[in-house]
Amino acid sequence: MKVELAKDKDGYTAKISGRKHLVAFGYTKQEALEELGNVVELELESEPEIRQIEKKIEEMLHRIATED
């Protein structure tokens, strides 16, 4: 399972590859990833899967924070 982050004309889209309903938008990378975390919690029922995705999102947020 991979977290993807892409720039579009208005901001950023964050999504989980292979899962068409796990997509979020934000004006910044951080906003998009945080919103994706909310979507994951609402859409998924498997606690281990949620934690796995949240861990990947946290890692990406940490990398973004250290880039600035």
N, C-alpha and C. Protein backbone atom coordinates (compact mmCIF):
# COMPACT_ATOMS: atom_id res chain seq x y z
N MET A 1 0.85 -1.17 0.00
CA MET A 1 0.00 0.00 0.00
C MET A 1 0.90 1.24 0.00
N LYS A 2 0.65 2.15 -0.92
CA LYS A 2 1.52 3.30 -1.10
C LYS A 2 0.71 4.59 -0.99
N VAL A 3 1.26 5.56 -0.27
CA VAL A 3 0.66 6.88 -0.20
C VAL A 3 1.28 7.72 -1.31
N GLU A 4 0.44 8.31 -2.14
CA GLU A 4 0.92 9.12 -3.25
C GLU A 4 0.50 10.57 -3.03
N LEU A 5 1.40 11.48 -3.34
CA LEU A 5 1.14 12.90 -3.20
C LEU A 5 1.49 13.57 -4.52
N ALA A 6 0.53 14.31 -5.09
CA ALA A 6 0.77 14.93 -6.39
C ALA A 6 0.29 16.37 -6.39
N LYS A 7 1.04 17.22 -7.05
CA LYS A 7 0.68 18.63 -7.21
C LYS A 7 -0.33 18.73 -8.35
N ASP A 8 -1.37 19.53 -8.14
CA ASP A 8 -2.27 19.85 -9.24
C ASP A 8 -2.36 21.37 -9.32
N LYS A 9 -3.22 21.89 -10.16
CA LYS A 9 -3.20 23.34 -10.38
C LYS A 9 -3.64 24.16 -9.16
N ASP A 10 -4.43 23.59 -8.27
CA ASP A 10 -4.93 24.34 -7.11
C ASP A 10 -4.29 23.95 -5.78
N GLY A 11 -3.52 22.89 -5.75
CA GLY A 11 -2.94 22.43 -4.49
C GLY A 11 -2.33 21.07 -4.65
N TYR A 12 -2.68 20.17 -3.73
CA TYR A 12 -2.12 18.81 -3.74
C TYR A 12 -3.21 17.78 -3.54
N THR A 13 -3.02 16.64 -4.16
CA THR A 13 -3.90 15.50 -3.98
C THR A 13 -3.09 14.39 -3.34
N ALA A 14 -3.64 13.82 -2.28
CA ALA A 14 -3.01 12.69 -1.61
C ALA A 14 -3.95 11.50 -1.76
N LYS A 15 -3.38 10.34 -2.06
CA LYS A 15 -4.23 9.17 -2.22
C LYS A 15 -3.47 7.90 -1.86
N ILE A 16 -4.24 6.84 -1.66
CA ILE A 16 -3.69 5.52 -1.43
C ILE A 16 -3.80 4.77 -2.75
N SER A 17 -2.67 4.33 -3.27
CA SER A 17 -2.68 3.65 -4.56
C SER A 17 -3.55 2.40 -4.51
N GLY A 18 -4.31 2.20 -5.55
CA GLY A 18 -5.17 1.03 -5.65
C GLY A 18 -6.48 1.15 -4.90
N ARG A 19 -6.74 2.27 -4.27
CA ARG A 19 -7.99 2.48 -3.51
C ARG A 19 -8.66 3.75 -4.02
N LYS A 20 -9.66 3.62 -4.88
CA LYS A 20 -10.24 4.78 -5.54
C LYS A 20 -10.98 5.73 -4.60
N HIS A 21 -11.42 5.27 -3.45
CA HIS A 21 -12.16 6.14 -2.53
C HIS A 21 -11.27 6.79 -1.47
N LEU A 22 -10.01 6.45 -1.45
CA LEU A 22 -9.11 7.01 -0.45
C LEU A 22 -8.27 8.11 -1.09
N VAL A 23 -8.92 9.26 -1.28
CA VAL A 23 -8.31 10.41 -1.94
C VAL A 23 -8.68 11.66 -1.15
N ALA A 24 -7.73 12.60 -1.05
CA ALA A 24 -8.00 13.85 -0.35
C ALA A 24 -7.28 14.99 -1.05
N PHE A 25 -7.77 16.21 -0.84
CA PHE A 25 -7.19 17.41 -1.43
C PHE A 25 -6.78 18.37 -0.32
N GLY A 26 -5.72 19.13 -0.56
CA GLY A 26 -5.31 20.20 0.33
C GLY A 26 -4.55 21.25 -0.45
N TYR A 27 -4.54 22.46 0.06
CA TYR A 27 -3.81 23.53 -0.62
C TYR A 27 -2.30 23.40 -0.41
N THR A 28 -1.92 22.66 0.65
CA THR A 28 -0.51 22.38 0.90
C THR A 28 -0.33 20.87 0.98
N LYS A 29 0.92 20.41 0.92
CA LYS A 29 1.20 18.98 1.07
C LYS A 29 0.69 18.49 2.42
N GLN A 30 0.96 19.26 3.46
CA GLN A 30 0.54 18.87 4.81
C GLN A 30 -0.98 18.75 4.92
N GLU A 31 -1.70 19.73 4.39
CA GLU A 31 -3.17 19.68 4.44
C GLU A 31 -3.70 18.44 3.72
N ALA A 32 -3.15 18.14 2.56
CA ALA A 32 -3.62 16.99 1.79
C ALA A 32 -3.38 15.69 2.56
N LEU A 33 -2.21 15.55 3.16
CA LEU A 33 -1.90 14.32 3.90
C LEU A 33 -2.74 14.20 5.17
N GLU A 34 -2.93 15.30 5.87
CA GLU A 34 -3.77 15.26 7.07
C GLU A 34 -5.21 14.90 6.72
N GLU A 35 -5.71 15.46 5.65
CA GLU A 35 -7.07 15.14 5.22
C GLU A 35 -7.17 13.68 4.78
N LEU A 36 -6.14 13.16 4.15
CA LEU A 36 -6.14 11.75 3.77
C LEU A 36 -6.24 10.87 5.01
N GLY A 37 -5.55 11.26 6.07
CA GLY A 37 -5.67 10.51 7.33
C GLY A 37 -7.10 10.47 7.83
N ASN A 38 -7.82 11.58 7.71
CA ASN A 38 -9.23 11.61 8.11
C ASN A 38 -10.08 10.71 7.23
N VAL A 39 -9.84 10.73 5.93
CA VAL A 39 -10.58 9.89 5.00
C VAL A 39 -10.35 8.41 5.31
N VAL A 40 -9.12 8.05 5.57
CA VAL A 40 -8.78 6.66 5.88
C VAL A 40 -9.55 6.19 7.12
N GLU A 41 -9.57 7.01 8.14
CA GLU A 41 -10.29 6.63 9.37
C GLU A 41 -11.79 6.46 9.14
N LEU A 42 -12.36 7.27 8.25
CA LEU A 42 -13.79 7.18 7.97
C LEU A 42 -14.15 6.01 7.07
N GLU A 43 -13.28 5.68 6.14
CA GLU A 43 -13.62 4.71 5.10
C GLU A 43 -13.21 3.26 5.41
N LEU A 44 -12.16 3.08 6.19
CA LEU A 44 -11.67 1.72 6.43
C LEU A 44 -12.16 1.18 7.77
N GLU A 45 -12.33 -0.11 7.83
CA GLU A 45 -12.77 -0.75 9.06
C GLU A 45 -11.66 -1.55 9.73
N SER A 46 -10.64 -1.93 8.99
CA SER A 46 -9.55 -2.75 9.51
C SER A 46 -8.57 -1.88 10.29
N GLU A 47 -8.54 -2.06 11.58
CA GLU A 47 -7.65 -1.27 12.44
C GLU A 47 -6.17 -1.41 12.05
N PRO A 48 -5.68 -2.62 11.79
CA PRO A 48 -4.27 -2.73 11.39
C PRO A 48 -3.97 -1.98 10.09
N GLU A 49 -4.90 -2.02 9.14
CA GLU A 49 -4.70 -1.33 7.88
C GLU A 49 -4.70 0.19 8.10
N ILE A 50 -5.58 0.67 8.95
CA ILE A 50 -5.63 2.10 9.26
C ILE A 50 -4.31 2.54 9.88
N ARG A 51 -3.82 1.79 10.84
CA ARG A 51 -2.55 2.14 11.53
C ARG A 51 -1.38 2.12 10.55
N GLN A 52 -1.37 1.17 9.64
CA GLN A 52 -0.29 1.08 8.65
C GLN A 52 -0.28 2.32 7.76
N ILE A 53 -1.44 2.73 7.30
CA ILE A 53 -1.53 3.92 6.45
C ILE A 53 -1.18 5.17 7.25
N GLU A 54 -1.69 5.27 8.47
CA GLU A 54 -1.39 6.43 9.29
C GLU A 54 0.11 6.56 9.54
N LYS A 55 0.78 5.45 9.71
CA LYS A 55 2.23 5.47 9.92
C LYS A 55 2.93 6.04 8.68
N LYS A 56 2.51 5.61 7.51
CA LYS A 56 3.11 6.12 6.27
C LYS A 56 2.84 7.62 6.11
N ILE A 57 1.63 8.05 6.45
CA ILE A 57 1.30 9.47 6.36
C ILE A 57 2.16 10.27 7.33
N GLU A 58 2.32 9.78 8.55
CA GLU A 58 3.16 10.47 9.54
C GLU A 58 4.60 10.58 9.06
N GLU A 59 5.12 9.54 8.44
CA GLU A 59 6.48 9.57 7.91
C GLU A 59 6.61 10.64 6.83
N MET A 60 5.61 10.75 5.97
CA MET A 60 5.64 11.76 4.91
C MET A 60 5.54 13.16 5.51
N LEU A 61 4.68 13.35 6.51
CA LEU A 61 4.56 14.64 7.16
C LEU A 61 5.88 15.03 7.83
N HIS A 62 6.55 14.09 8.43
CA HIS A 62 7.84 14.36 9.06
C HIS A 62 8.87 14.80 8.02
N ARG A 63 8.91 14.12 6.89
CA ARG A 63 9.84 14.50 5.83
C ARG A 63 9.55 15.91 5.31
N ILE A 64 8.27 16.23 5.17
CA ILE A 64 7.88 17.56 4.70
C ILE A 64 8.34 18.61 5.70
N ALA A 65 8.14 18.34 6.99
CA ALA A 65 8.51 19.30 8.03
C ALA A 65 10.02 19.54 8.06
N THR A 66 10.80 18.52 7.76
CA THR A 66 12.25 18.70 7.80
C THR A 66 12.80 19.31 6.51
N GLU A 67 11.98 19.36 5.45
CA GLU A 67 12.39 20.00 4.20
C GLU A 67 12.45 21.51 4.34
N ASP A 68 11.57 22.07 5.17
CA ASP A 68 11.46 23.53 5.29
C ASP A 68 12.53 24.14 6.14
